[in-house]
């Protein structure tokens, strides 16, 4: 786009333990982040406006929104997704919801469909994780069940979103963590031509493709 009508993308992630905001103005990336707290509803909009103002933009200038839709923090997702839907509605611009699994596959540059040695784990409380392997199936399991399944399938590498305690629990596996920033990952996502969702719904992992373990979490 030309200077009179620049491409301005706002990206928001409230699914993880750290809230992240990225602004992509043409090809320039600006971002900020902080450890998520219980008052995200009070912090996130001022933070967005500050980032926009710092880069001579306003909310009205945004012409695409990308939001991480979950799974993740229930309250965080509700706040982040609702805000992004609102901005998209008033600006009449595209909105794209990216699930946490896809986000980490892109960030860590791992194609699960082509790899039998990797598994994607996403935090589901200290006692459990969501597990996705190359079959595409997503399961909600406790840590012992996950370790048992990884060993049975002879998986050596794991990646995704785990707490520090969970990383220690899975220490016999190689944890892959790309240091690529949120903004740079979003820039890659923008080039992949994901379809406009019109309205994004938070992903809370409550649909038929999910198998929830009947065993108790540890």
N, C-alpha and C. Protein backbone atom coordinates (compact mmCIF):
# COMPACT_ATOMS: atom_id res chain seq x y z
N UNK A 1 0.83 -1.20 0.00
CA UNK A 1 0.00 0.00 0.00
C UNK A 1 0.87 1.26 0.00
N UNK A 2 0.29 2.38 -0.42
CA UNK A 2 1.08 3.60 -0.45
C UNK A 2 1.06 4.29 0.91
N UNK A 3 1.78 5.40 1.00
CA UNK A 3 1.92 6.09 2.27
C UNK A 3 0.61 6.69 2.74
N UNK A 4 -0.29 7.03 1.79
CA UNK A 4 -1.58 7.60 2.18
C UNK A 4 -2.49 6.54 2.80
N UNK A 5 -2.25 5.29 2.47
CA UNK A 5 -3.09 4.21 2.97
C UNK A 5 -2.22 3.02 3.36
N UNK A 6 -1.44 3.16 4.43
CA UNK A 6 -0.50 2.10 4.81
C UNK A 6 -1.20 0.87 5.36
N UNK A 7 -0.53 -0.27 5.26
CA UNK A 7 -1.04 -1.49 5.87
C UNK A 7 -0.72 -1.44 7.35
N UNK A 8 -1.73 -1.49 8.18
CA UNK A 8 -1.54 -1.44 9.63
C UNK A 8 -2.25 -2.63 10.26
N UNK A 9 -1.47 -3.56 10.77
CA UNK A 9 -2.00 -4.79 11.37
C UNK A 9 -1.82 -4.74 12.88
N UNK A 10 -2.88 -5.02 13.60
CA UNK A 10 -2.79 -5.16 15.06
C UNK A 10 -2.91 -6.63 15.39
N UNK A 11 -1.98 -7.14 16.22
CA UNK A 11 -2.04 -8.53 16.65
C UNK A 11 -2.04 -8.58 18.18
N UNK A 12 -2.86 -9.46 18.72
CA UNK A 12 -3.02 -9.56 20.17
C UNK A 12 -2.95 -11.03 20.60
N UNK A 13 -2.21 -11.28 21.68
CA UNK A 13 -2.13 -12.62 22.26
C UNK A 13 -2.39 -12.52 23.75
N UNK A 14 -3.55 -13.03 24.19
CA UNK A 14 -3.85 -13.10 25.62
C UNK A 14 -4.05 -14.55 26.04
N UNK A 15 -3.57 -15.48 25.22
CA UNK A 15 -3.73 -16.91 25.50
C UNK A 15 -2.63 -17.44 26.41
N UNK A 16 -1.50 -16.77 26.44
CA UNK A 16 -0.35 -17.24 27.19
C UNK A 16 -0.19 -16.51 28.52
N UNK A 17 0.83 -16.88 29.27
CA UNK A 17 1.07 -16.26 30.58
C UNK A 17 1.63 -14.85 30.43
N UNK A 18 2.02 -14.49 29.22
CA UNK A 18 2.51 -13.15 28.93
C UNK A 18 1.62 -12.55 27.84
N UNK A 19 1.03 -11.40 28.11
CA UNK A 19 0.21 -10.72 27.11
C UNK A 19 1.12 -10.04 26.09
N UNK A 20 0.83 -10.23 24.81
CA UNK A 20 1.68 -9.66 23.76
C UNK A 20 0.83 -8.86 22.78
N UNK A 21 1.37 -7.72 22.36
CA UNK A 21 0.72 -6.88 21.36
C UNK A 21 1.75 -6.54 20.30
N UNK A 22 1.38 -6.66 19.05
CA UNK A 22 2.27 -6.30 17.95
C UNK A 22 1.54 -5.39 16.97
N UNK A 23 2.28 -4.45 16.45
CA UNK A 23 1.78 -3.54 15.42
C UNK A 23 2.70 -3.65 14.22
N UNK A 24 2.13 -3.99 13.08
CA UNK A 24 2.93 -4.07 11.86
C UNK A 24 2.45 -2.97 10.92
N UNK A 25 3.30 -1.98 10.73
CA UNK A 25 2.98 -0.83 9.88
C UNK A 25 3.80 -0.96 8.61
N UNK A 26 3.12 -1.30 7.51
CA UNK A 26 3.81 -1.73 6.30
C UNK A 26 4.70 -2.90 6.68
N UNK A 27 6.02 -2.79 6.62
CA UNK A 27 6.87 -3.91 6.97
C UNK A 27 7.58 -3.72 8.31
N UNK A 28 7.31 -2.61 8.97
CA UNK A 28 7.95 -2.33 10.26
C UNK A 28 7.15 -2.97 11.40
N UNK A 29 7.86 -3.62 12.33
CA UNK A 29 7.22 -4.33 13.43
C UNK A 29 7.53 -3.64 14.75
N UNK A 30 6.48 -3.36 15.52
CA UNK A 30 6.61 -2.76 16.84
C UNK A 30 5.82 -3.63 17.81
N UNK A 31 6.37 -3.90 18.97
CA UNK A 31 5.66 -4.77 19.89
C UNK A 31 5.95 -4.48 21.35
N UNK A 32 5.06 -4.95 22.20
CA UNK A 32 5.23 -4.80 23.63
C UNK A 32 4.61 -6.02 24.31
N UNK A 33 5.03 -6.29 25.53
CA UNK A 33 4.49 -7.45 26.25
C UNK A 33 4.66 -7.25 27.75
N UNK A 34 3.91 -8.00 28.52
CA UNK A 34 4.03 -7.96 29.99
C UNK A 34 3.42 -9.24 30.55
N UNK A 35 3.80 -9.58 31.77
CA UNK A 35 3.26 -10.77 32.42
C UNK A 35 1.79 -10.55 32.71
N UNK A 36 0.97 -11.50 32.28
CA UNK A 36 -0.48 -11.37 32.42
C UNK A 36 -0.89 -11.35 33.89
N UNK A 37 -1.87 -10.51 34.19
CA UNK A 37 -2.41 -10.40 35.55
C UNK A 37 -3.94 -10.49 35.49
N UNK A 38 -4.57 -10.27 36.63
CA UNK A 38 -6.03 -10.37 36.68
C UNK A 38 -6.75 -9.12 36.19
N UNK A 39 -5.98 -8.09 35.84
CA UNK A 39 -6.63 -6.84 35.39
C UNK A 39 -6.32 -6.51 33.93
N UNK A 40 -6.27 -7.55 33.09
CA UNK A 40 -5.96 -7.34 31.68
C UNK A 40 -6.97 -6.42 31.01
N UNK A 41 -8.24 -6.48 31.45
CA UNK A 41 -9.27 -5.64 30.84
C UNK A 41 -8.97 -4.16 31.02
N UNK A 42 -8.23 -3.80 32.07
CA UNK A 42 -7.87 -2.41 32.32
C UNK A 42 -6.58 -2.01 31.61
N UNK A 43 -5.75 -2.98 31.32
CA UNK A 43 -4.41 -2.68 30.80
C UNK A 43 -4.29 -2.75 29.28
N UNK A 44 -5.05 -3.66 28.66
CA UNK A 44 -4.75 -3.98 27.26
C UNK A 44 -5.08 -2.85 26.29
N UNK A 45 -6.23 -2.20 26.43
CA UNK A 45 -6.58 -1.13 25.49
C UNK A 45 -5.65 0.08 25.63
N UNK A 46 -5.33 0.55 26.84
CA UNK A 46 -4.34 1.64 26.96
C UNK A 46 -2.99 1.27 26.37
N UNK A 47 -2.60 -0.01 26.52
CA UNK A 47 -1.31 -0.44 25.96
C UNK A 47 -1.34 -0.40 24.43
N UNK A 48 -2.46 -0.81 23.85
CA UNK A 48 -2.60 -0.76 22.39
C UNK A 48 -2.55 0.69 21.91
N UNK A 49 -3.31 1.55 22.58
CA UNK A 49 -3.35 2.96 22.18
C UNK A 49 -1.98 3.61 22.32
N UNK A 50 -1.24 3.25 23.35
CA UNK A 50 0.10 3.80 23.55
C UNK A 50 1.04 3.37 22.42
N UNK A 51 0.96 2.08 22.03
CA UNK A 51 1.81 1.57 20.95
C UNK A 51 1.44 2.24 19.63
N UNK A 52 0.15 2.43 19.40
CA UNK A 52 -0.30 3.09 18.18
C UNK A 52 0.17 4.55 18.15
N UNK A 53 -0.04 5.26 19.25
CA UNK A 53 0.32 6.67 19.32
C UNK A 53 1.82 6.88 19.13
N UNK A 54 2.60 5.99 19.72
CA UNK A 54 4.06 6.06 19.61
C UNK A 54 4.51 5.95 18.16
N UNK A 55 3.70 5.26 17.35
CA UNK A 55 4.04 5.06 15.93
C UNK A 55 3.12 5.83 14.99
N UNK A 56 2.56 6.94 15.55
CA UNK A 56 1.75 7.90 14.78
C UNK A 56 0.56 7.24 14.09
N UNK A 57 -0.13 6.37 14.85
CA UNK A 57 -1.34 5.70 14.35
C UNK A 57 -2.44 5.84 15.40
N UNK A 58 -3.64 5.52 15.00
CA UNK A 58 -4.77 5.49 15.92
C UNK A 58 -5.56 4.21 15.69
N UNK A 59 -6.50 3.92 16.57
CA UNK A 59 -7.32 2.72 16.42
C UNK A 59 -8.03 2.68 15.07
N UNK A 60 -8.45 3.86 14.60
CA UNK A 60 -9.19 3.95 13.33
C UNK A 60 -8.33 3.60 12.12
N UNK A 61 -6.99 3.61 12.29
CA UNK A 61 -6.09 3.33 11.16
C UNK A 61 -5.89 1.83 10.93
N UNK A 62 -6.25 1.02 11.91
CA UNK A 62 -6.02 -0.43 11.80
C UNK A 62 -6.88 -1.02 10.68
N UNK A 63 -6.25 -1.75 9.75
CA UNK A 63 -7.02 -2.36 8.67
C UNK A 63 -6.92 -3.88 8.60
N UNK A 64 -6.34 -4.49 9.63
CA UNK A 64 -6.40 -5.95 9.79
C UNK A 64 -6.08 -6.26 11.25
N UNK A 65 -6.79 -7.26 11.78
CA UNK A 65 -6.56 -7.69 13.16
C UNK A 65 -6.28 -9.19 13.17
N UNK A 66 -5.25 -9.59 13.91
CA UNK A 66 -4.92 -11.00 14.08
C UNK A 66 -4.89 -11.28 15.57
N UNK A 67 -5.61 -12.31 16.01
CA UNK A 67 -5.69 -12.60 17.44
C UNK A 67 -5.47 -14.09 17.68
N UNK A 68 -4.72 -14.41 18.74
CA UNK A 68 -4.55 -15.80 19.15
C UNK A 68 -5.81 -16.18 19.92
N UNK A 69 -6.56 -17.16 19.42
CA UNK A 69 -7.89 -17.44 19.95
C UNK A 69 -7.94 -18.56 20.99
N UNK A 70 -6.81 -19.19 21.27
CA UNK A 70 -6.79 -20.23 22.30
C UNK A 70 -6.47 -21.59 21.71
N UNK A 71 -6.38 -22.60 22.58
CA UNK A 71 -6.74 -22.57 23.99
C UNK A 71 -5.76 -21.76 24.83
N UNK A 72 -6.23 -21.37 26.00
CA UNK A 72 -5.41 -20.58 26.90
C UNK A 72 -6.24 -20.10 28.06
N UNK A 73 -5.80 -19.04 28.70
CA UNK A 73 -6.50 -18.47 29.84
C UNK A 73 -7.94 -18.11 29.48
N UNK A 74 -8.90 -18.59 30.25
CA UNK A 74 -10.31 -18.33 29.96
C UNK A 74 -10.59 -16.83 29.95
N UNK A 75 -10.22 -16.16 31.03
CA UNK A 75 -10.49 -14.72 31.14
C UNK A 75 -9.69 -13.94 30.12
N UNK A 76 -8.41 -14.30 29.96
CA UNK A 76 -7.55 -13.60 29.02
C UNK A 76 -8.09 -13.68 27.59
N UNK A 77 -8.51 -14.88 27.19
CA UNK A 77 -9.04 -15.05 25.83
C UNK A 77 -10.32 -14.25 25.63
N UNK A 78 -11.18 -14.28 26.62
CA UNK A 78 -12.45 -13.55 26.52
C UNK A 78 -12.20 -12.05 26.31
N UNK A 79 -11.24 -11.51 27.03
CA UNK A 79 -10.92 -10.08 26.92
C UNK A 79 -10.26 -9.76 25.57
N UNK A 80 -9.22 -10.53 25.24
CA UNK A 80 -8.48 -10.26 24.01
C UNK A 80 -9.29 -10.44 22.75
N UNK A 81 -10.04 -11.54 22.69
CA UNK A 81 -10.84 -11.81 21.49
C UNK A 81 -11.98 -10.81 21.35
N UNK A 82 -12.64 -10.48 22.46
CA UNK A 82 -13.75 -9.51 22.41
C UNK A 82 -13.25 -8.14 21.94
N UNK A 83 -12.11 -7.73 22.43
CA UNK A 83 -11.56 -6.43 22.03
C UNK A 83 -11.22 -6.42 20.53
N UNK A 84 -10.60 -7.50 20.06
CA UNK A 84 -10.22 -7.57 18.64
C UNK A 84 -11.45 -7.61 17.74
N UNK A 85 -12.47 -8.35 18.16
CA UNK A 85 -13.72 -8.37 17.38
C UNK A 85 -14.35 -6.98 17.29
N UNK A 86 -14.27 -6.24 18.40
CA UNK A 86 -14.85 -4.89 18.43
C UNK A 86 -14.11 -3.95 17.48
N UNK A 87 -12.78 -4.00 17.52
CA UNK A 87 -11.98 -3.14 16.63
C UNK A 87 -12.27 -3.49 15.17
N UNK A 88 -12.33 -4.79 14.86
CA UNK A 88 -12.60 -5.23 13.49
C UNK A 88 -13.98 -4.76 13.03
N UNK A 89 -14.96 -4.84 13.93
CA UNK A 89 -16.33 -4.44 13.58
C UNK A 89 -16.42 -2.96 13.26
N UNK A 90 -15.86 -2.12 14.13
CA UNK A 90 -15.96 -0.68 13.92
C UNK A 90 -15.09 -0.19 12.76
N UNK A 91 -13.98 -0.88 12.51
CA UNK A 91 -13.11 -0.48 11.40
C UNK A 91 -13.49 -1.15 10.08
N UNK A 92 -14.45 -2.08 10.16
CA UNK A 92 -14.87 -2.84 8.97
C UNK A 92 -13.67 -3.48 8.28
N UNK A 93 -12.81 -4.09 9.08
CA UNK A 93 -11.59 -4.71 8.53
C UNK A 93 -11.57 -6.21 8.84
N UNK A 94 -10.68 -6.92 8.16
CA UNK A 94 -10.55 -8.36 8.36
C UNK A 94 -10.05 -8.67 9.76
N UNK A 95 -10.51 -9.81 10.28
CA UNK A 95 -9.99 -10.34 11.54
C UNK A 95 -9.69 -11.81 11.35
N UNK A 96 -8.54 -12.24 11.83
CA UNK A 96 -8.10 -13.63 11.67
C UNK A 96 -7.79 -14.20 13.04
N UNK A 97 -8.43 -15.33 13.37
CA UNK A 97 -8.16 -16.01 14.62
C UNK A 97 -7.23 -17.19 14.39
N UNK A 98 -6.13 -17.22 15.13
CA UNK A 98 -5.13 -18.30 15.00
C UNK A 98 -5.11 -19.11 16.29
N UNK A 99 -5.29 -20.43 16.19
CA UNK A 99 -5.26 -21.20 17.43
C UNK A 99 -3.83 -21.37 17.93
N UNK A 100 -3.71 -21.63 19.21
CA UNK A 100 -2.41 -21.70 19.87
C UNK A 100 -1.52 -22.77 19.25
N UNK A 101 -2.12 -23.87 18.81
CA UNK A 101 -1.34 -24.96 18.20
C UNK A 101 -0.70 -24.50 16.89
N UNK A 102 -1.51 -23.89 16.02
CA UNK A 102 -1.00 -23.40 14.74
C UNK A 102 0.06 -22.33 14.97
N UNK A 103 -0.19 -21.44 15.94
CA UNK A 103 0.78 -20.39 16.24
C UNK A 103 2.15 -20.98 16.55
N UNK A 104 2.19 -22.01 17.39
CA UNK A 104 3.49 -22.58 17.78
C UNK A 104 4.11 -23.41 16.66
N UNK A 105 3.30 -24.03 15.83
CA UNK A 105 3.85 -24.74 14.68
C UNK A 105 4.55 -23.76 13.74
N UNK A 106 3.98 -22.59 13.57
CA UNK A 106 4.59 -21.56 12.71
C UNK A 106 5.80 -20.95 13.41
N UNK A 107 5.66 -20.62 14.68
CA UNK A 107 6.75 -19.98 15.43
C UNK A 107 7.98 -20.88 15.49
N UNK A 108 7.76 -22.16 15.80
CA UNK A 108 8.90 -23.08 15.92
C UNK A 108 9.26 -23.75 14.60
N UNK A 109 8.51 -23.43 13.53
CA UNK A 109 8.78 -23.96 12.20
C UNK A 109 8.82 -25.49 12.19
N UNK A 110 7.80 -26.10 12.80
CA UNK A 110 7.69 -27.55 12.82
C UNK A 110 6.40 -27.96 12.11
N UNK A 111 6.53 -28.81 11.10
CA UNK A 111 5.37 -29.34 10.40
C UNK A 111 5.05 -30.70 11.00
N UNK A 112 4.08 -30.74 11.89
CA UNK A 112 3.75 -31.98 12.58
C UNK A 112 3.33 -33.09 11.63
N UNK A 113 2.66 -32.72 10.54
CA UNK A 113 2.17 -33.73 9.59
C UNK A 113 3.31 -34.49 8.94
N UNK A 114 4.49 -33.87 8.90
CA UNK A 114 5.63 -34.50 8.25
C UNK A 114 6.66 -35.04 9.25
N UNK A 115 6.34 -34.93 10.53
CA UNK A 115 7.31 -35.37 11.54
C UNK A 115 6.68 -36.33 12.54
N UNK A 116 7.31 -37.46 12.71
CA UNK A 116 6.83 -38.44 13.70
C UNK A 116 7.65 -38.36 14.98
N UNK A 117 8.62 -37.42 15.01
CA UNK A 117 9.50 -37.32 16.19
C UNK A 117 9.19 -36.10 17.05
N UNK A 118 8.13 -35.34 16.69
CA UNK A 118 7.78 -34.14 17.43
C UNK A 118 6.35 -34.22 17.97
N UNK A 119 6.13 -33.58 19.11
CA UNK A 119 4.78 -33.44 19.67
C UNK A 119 4.63 -32.02 20.18
N UNK A 120 3.43 -31.49 20.04
CA UNK A 120 3.14 -30.13 20.46
C UNK A 120 2.33 -30.18 21.76
N UNK A 121 2.85 -29.55 22.80
CA UNK A 121 2.20 -29.53 24.11
C UNK A 121 1.81 -28.10 24.47
N UNK A 122 0.58 -27.93 24.95
CA UNK A 122 0.08 -26.62 25.34
C UNK A 122 -0.47 -26.70 26.76
N UNK A 123 -0.02 -25.81 27.59
CA UNK A 123 -0.39 -25.72 29.00
C UNK A 123 -1.90 -25.78 29.19
N UNK A 124 -2.37 -26.64 30.12
CA UNK A 124 -3.79 -26.74 30.45
C UNK A 124 -3.95 -26.81 31.97
N UNK A 125 -3.21 -25.93 32.67
CA UNK A 125 -3.14 -26.01 34.12
C UNK A 125 -1.88 -26.77 34.49
N UNK A 126 -1.35 -26.55 35.70
CA UNK A 126 -0.07 -27.16 36.07
C UNK A 126 -0.08 -28.68 35.99
N UNK A 127 -1.25 -29.29 36.17
CA UNK A 127 -1.30 -30.75 36.17
C UNK A 127 -1.55 -31.40 34.83
N UNK A 128 -1.76 -30.62 33.79
CA UNK A 128 -2.08 -31.23 32.50
C UNK A 128 -1.70 -30.38 31.31
N UNK A 129 -1.77 -30.99 30.13
CA UNK A 129 -1.48 -30.29 28.88
C UNK A 129 -2.42 -30.80 27.79
N UNK A 130 -2.53 -30.00 26.74
CA UNK A 130 -3.15 -30.45 25.50
C UNK A 130 -2.02 -31.01 24.64
N UNK A 131 -2.21 -32.21 24.12
CA UNK A 131 -1.19 -32.87 23.31
C UNK A 131 -1.67 -32.99 21.87
N UNK A 132 -0.82 -32.56 20.93
CA UNK A 132 -1.11 -32.72 19.52
C UNK A 132 0.09 -33.37 18.85
N UNK A 133 -0.15 -34.47 18.13
CA UNK A 133 0.94 -35.13 17.42
C UNK A 133 0.68 -35.09 15.92
N UNK A 134 1.46 -35.86 15.16
CA UNK A 134 1.36 -35.76 13.69
C UNK A 134 0.06 -36.33 13.13
N UNK A 135 -0.75 -36.98 13.96
CA UNK A 135 -2.05 -37.46 13.49
C UNK A 135 -3.07 -36.32 13.45
N UNK A 136 -2.75 -35.19 14.10
CA UNK A 136 -3.65 -34.06 14.13
C UNK A 136 -4.65 -34.12 15.27
N UNK A 137 -4.66 -35.23 16.01
CA UNK A 137 -5.58 -35.39 17.13
C UNK A 137 -5.09 -34.59 18.34
N UNK A 138 -6.01 -33.97 19.04
CA UNK A 138 -5.67 -33.19 20.23
C UNK A 138 -6.30 -33.85 21.44
N UNK A 139 -5.48 -34.13 22.45
CA UNK A 139 -5.95 -34.76 23.67
C UNK A 139 -5.62 -33.90 24.88
N UNK A 140 -6.48 -33.90 25.86
CA UNK A 140 -6.22 -33.21 27.13
C UNK A 140 -5.87 -34.29 28.15
N UNK A 141 -4.60 -34.30 28.57
CA UNK A 141 -4.09 -35.38 29.40
C UNK A 141 -3.32 -34.85 30.60
N UNK A 142 -3.17 -35.70 31.63
CA UNK A 142 -2.29 -35.30 32.72
C UNK A 142 -0.84 -35.59 32.35
N UNK A 143 0.08 -35.06 33.11
CA UNK A 143 1.50 -35.11 32.73
C UNK A 143 2.03 -36.53 32.61
N UNK A 144 1.62 -37.41 33.52
CA UNK A 144 2.09 -38.79 33.46
C UNK A 144 1.58 -39.49 32.21
N UNK A 145 0.34 -39.24 31.84
CA UNK A 145 -0.23 -39.83 30.63
C UNK A 145 0.52 -39.35 29.38
N UNK A 146 0.86 -38.06 29.38
CA UNK A 146 1.58 -37.50 28.23
C UNK A 146 2.95 -38.16 28.10
N UNK A 147 3.66 -38.25 29.21
CA UNK A 147 5.00 -38.85 29.17
C UNK A 147 4.92 -40.30 28.69
N UNK A 148 3.91 -41.03 29.16
CA UNK A 148 3.72 -42.41 28.74
C UNK A 148 3.46 -42.50 27.24
N UNK A 149 2.64 -41.61 26.74
CA UNK A 149 2.31 -41.63 25.31
C UNK A 149 3.52 -41.24 24.46
N UNK A 150 4.27 -40.23 24.90
CA UNK A 150 5.46 -39.80 24.16
C UNK A 150 6.48 -40.93 24.06
N UNK A 151 6.69 -41.62 25.17
CA UNK A 151 7.65 -42.73 25.18
C UNK A 151 7.16 -43.89 24.31
N UNK A 152 5.86 -44.16 24.35
CA UNK A 152 5.30 -45.25 23.55
C UNK A 152 5.47 -44.98 22.07
N UNK A 153 5.32 -43.72 21.66
CA UNK A 153 5.45 -43.36 20.25
C UNK A 153 6.88 -43.00 19.88
N UNK A 154 7.78 -43.11 20.84
CA UNK A 154 9.21 -42.83 20.64
C UNK A 154 9.46 -41.40 20.15
N UNK A 155 8.69 -40.48 20.69
CA UNK A 155 8.86 -39.07 20.36
C UNK A 155 9.99 -38.49 21.20
N UNK A 156 10.92 -37.80 20.56
CA UNK A 156 12.09 -37.27 21.25
C UNK A 156 12.02 -35.76 21.47
N UNK A 157 11.25 -35.06 20.62
CA UNK A 157 11.24 -33.60 20.66
C UNK A 157 9.84 -33.07 21.00
N UNK A 158 9.79 -32.08 21.88
CA UNK A 158 8.53 -31.44 22.21
C UNK A 158 8.67 -29.93 22.05
N UNK A 159 7.56 -29.26 21.82
CA UNK A 159 7.58 -27.81 21.70
C UNK A 159 6.19 -27.27 22.03
N UNK A 160 6.06 -25.95 22.12
CA UNK A 160 4.77 -25.35 22.41
C UNK A 160 4.82 -24.40 23.59
N UNK A 161 3.88 -24.59 24.53
CA UNK A 161 3.71 -23.65 25.63
C UNK A 161 3.57 -24.43 26.93
N UNK A 162 4.65 -24.46 27.72
CA UNK A 162 4.66 -25.16 29.00
C UNK A 162 5.14 -24.22 30.10
N UNK A 163 4.73 -24.51 31.34
CA UNK A 163 5.24 -23.75 32.48
C UNK A 163 6.65 -24.24 32.80
N UNK A 164 7.35 -23.50 33.64
CA UNK A 164 8.72 -23.89 34.03
C UNK A 164 8.72 -25.26 34.72
N UNK A 165 7.71 -25.51 35.56
CA UNK A 165 7.62 -26.80 36.26
C UNK A 165 7.38 -27.93 35.27
N UNK A 166 6.55 -27.68 34.27
CA UNK A 166 6.26 -28.72 33.28
C UNK A 166 7.48 -29.03 32.43
N UNK A 167 8.25 -28.01 32.11
CA UNK A 167 9.48 -28.23 31.34
C UNK A 167 10.43 -29.14 32.11
N UNK A 168 10.51 -28.96 33.43
CA UNK A 168 11.36 -29.81 34.25
C UNK A 168 10.83 -31.24 34.28
N UNK A 169 9.51 -31.38 34.30
CA UNK A 169 8.91 -32.70 34.32
C UNK A 169 9.24 -33.48 33.05
N UNK A 170 9.32 -32.77 31.93
CA UNK A 170 9.61 -33.41 30.64
C UNK A 170 11.08 -33.24 30.25
N UNK A 171 11.97 -33.17 31.23
CA UNK A 171 13.37 -32.84 30.97
C UNK A 171 14.11 -33.87 30.12
N UNK A 172 13.59 -35.12 30.05
CA UNK A 172 14.29 -36.12 29.23
C UNK A 172 14.01 -35.94 27.74
N UNK A 173 13.09 -35.06 27.41
CA UNK A 173 12.79 -34.75 26.01
C UNK A 173 13.46 -33.43 25.62
N UNK A 174 13.78 -33.30 24.36
CA UNK A 174 14.37 -32.06 23.88
C UNK A 174 13.26 -31.04 23.65
N UNK A 175 13.34 -29.91 24.35
CA UNK A 175 12.32 -28.87 24.22
C UNK A 175 12.79 -27.84 23.21
N UNK A 176 12.06 -27.73 22.11
CA UNK A 176 12.42 -26.80 21.04
C UNK A 176 11.72 -25.48 21.27
N UNK A 177 12.48 -24.41 21.34
CA UNK A 177 11.89 -23.10 21.59
C UNK A 177 12.58 -22.04 20.73
N UNK A 178 11.91 -21.64 19.67
CA UNK A 178 12.44 -20.61 18.79
C UNK A 178 12.30 -19.25 19.46
N UNK A 179 13.34 -18.46 19.44
CA UNK A 179 13.31 -17.15 20.09
C UNK A 179 12.67 -16.07 19.21
N UNK A 180 12.09 -16.47 18.10
CA UNK A 180 11.42 -15.53 17.21
C UNK A 180 10.34 -14.77 17.99
N UNK A 181 10.27 -13.48 17.80
CA UNK A 181 9.32 -12.67 18.55
C UNK A 181 7.89 -12.88 18.07
N UNK A 182 6.94 -12.44 18.88
CA UNK A 182 5.53 -12.51 18.52
C UNK A 182 5.27 -11.74 17.23
N UNK A 183 5.81 -10.54 17.13
CA UNK A 183 5.60 -9.71 15.95
C UNK A 183 6.13 -10.35 14.68
N UNK A 184 7.30 -10.96 14.74
CA UNK A 184 7.87 -11.61 13.56
C UNK A 184 7.06 -12.85 13.16
N UNK A 185 6.55 -13.56 14.17
CA UNK A 185 5.71 -14.71 13.87
C UNK A 185 4.41 -14.26 13.20
N UNK A 186 3.83 -13.17 13.69
CA UNK A 186 2.61 -12.63 13.11
C UNK A 186 2.86 -12.18 11.66
N UNK A 187 4.02 -11.60 11.40
CA UNK A 187 4.36 -11.17 10.04
C UNK A 187 4.38 -12.37 9.10
N UNK A 188 4.86 -13.51 9.58
CA UNK A 188 4.85 -14.73 8.76
C UNK A 188 3.42 -15.21 8.54
N UNK A 189 2.62 -15.17 9.61
CA UNK A 189 1.23 -15.60 9.52
C UNK A 189 0.47 -14.76 8.50
N UNK A 190 0.75 -13.46 8.49
CA UNK A 190 0.07 -12.55 7.56
C UNK A 190 0.32 -12.91 6.11
N UNK A 191 1.47 -13.52 5.83
CA UNK A 191 1.80 -13.90 4.45
C UNK A 191 1.14 -15.21 4.02
N UNK A 192 0.51 -15.91 4.97
CA UNK A 192 -0.03 -17.24 4.67
C UNK A 192 -1.48 -17.21 4.19
N UNK A 193 -2.05 -16.03 4.09
CA UNK A 193 -3.40 -15.87 3.53
C UNK A 193 -4.48 -16.68 4.24
N UNK A 194 -4.48 -16.61 5.57
CA UNK A 194 -5.58 -17.21 6.33
C UNK A 194 -6.86 -16.44 5.99
N UNK A 195 -7.97 -17.14 5.99
CA UNK A 195 -9.23 -16.49 5.61
C UNK A 195 -9.75 -15.57 6.71
N UNK A 196 -10.50 -14.57 6.30
CA UNK A 196 -11.13 -13.64 7.23
C UNK A 196 -12.23 -14.38 8.00
N UNK A 197 -12.17 -14.31 9.33
CA UNK A 197 -13.15 -15.01 10.15
C UNK A 197 -14.43 -14.20 10.39
N UNK A 198 -14.39 -12.91 10.13
CA UNK A 198 -15.51 -12.00 10.39
C UNK A 198 -15.74 -11.82 11.89
N UNK A 199 -15.98 -12.93 12.59
CA UNK A 199 -16.07 -12.90 14.05
C UNK A 199 -15.27 -14.09 14.59
N UNK A 200 -14.36 -13.82 15.52
CA UNK A 200 -13.55 -14.88 16.12
C UNK A 200 -14.17 -15.31 17.45
N UNK A 201 -14.27 -16.62 17.65
CA UNK A 201 -14.75 -17.15 18.91
C UNK A 201 -13.58 -17.75 19.68
N UNK A 202 -13.49 -17.49 20.99
CA UNK A 202 -12.40 -18.08 21.78
C UNK A 202 -12.45 -19.60 21.70
N UNK A 203 -11.28 -20.23 21.62
CA UNK A 203 -11.20 -21.68 21.56
C UNK A 203 -10.90 -22.21 22.95
N UNK A 204 -11.89 -22.87 23.54
CA UNK A 204 -11.74 -23.40 24.90
C UNK A 204 -11.60 -24.91 24.94
N UNK A 205 -11.41 -25.55 23.81
CA UNK A 205 -11.25 -27.00 23.72
C UNK A 205 -12.48 -27.71 24.29
N UNK A 206 -13.59 -27.51 23.65
CA UNK A 206 -14.81 -28.22 24.02
C UNK A 206 -15.56 -28.59 22.75
N UNK A 207 -14.94 -29.45 21.94
CA UNK A 207 -15.62 -29.90 20.73
C UNK A 207 -15.30 -31.37 20.47
N UNK A 208 -15.99 -32.03 19.56
CA UNK A 208 -15.87 -33.48 19.37
C UNK A 208 -14.49 -34.00 19.03
N UNK A 209 -13.60 -33.16 18.48
CA UNK A 209 -12.30 -33.69 18.07
C UNK A 209 -11.34 -33.84 19.26
N UNK A 210 -11.76 -33.37 20.45
CA UNK A 210 -10.91 -33.44 21.62
C UNK A 210 -11.25 -34.66 22.46
N UNK A 211 -10.24 -35.42 22.83
CA UNK A 211 -10.42 -36.54 23.74
C UNK A 211 -9.91 -36.14 25.11
N UNK A 212 -10.82 -36.07 26.08
CA UNK A 212 -10.42 -35.72 27.44
C UNK A 212 -10.24 -36.99 28.26
N UNK A 213 -9.10 -37.10 28.90
CA UNK A 213 -8.81 -38.27 29.70
C UNK A 213 -9.80 -38.42 30.86
N UNK A 214 -10.19 -39.66 31.16
CA UNK A 214 -11.06 -39.93 32.29
C UNK A 214 -10.28 -40.08 33.59
N UNK A 215 -8.96 -40.13 33.49
CA UNK A 215 -8.13 -40.25 34.66
C UNK A 215 -8.00 -38.92 35.37
N UNK A 216 -7.68 -38.96 36.62
CA UNK A 216 -7.51 -37.73 37.39
C UNK A 216 -6.18 -37.08 37.04
N UNK A 217 -6.14 -35.76 37.07
CA UNK A 217 -4.89 -35.05 36.87
C UNK A 217 -4.04 -35.19 38.11
N UNK A 218 -2.71 -35.09 37.93
CA UNK A 218 -1.83 -35.15 39.09
C UNK A 218 -1.69 -33.76 39.70
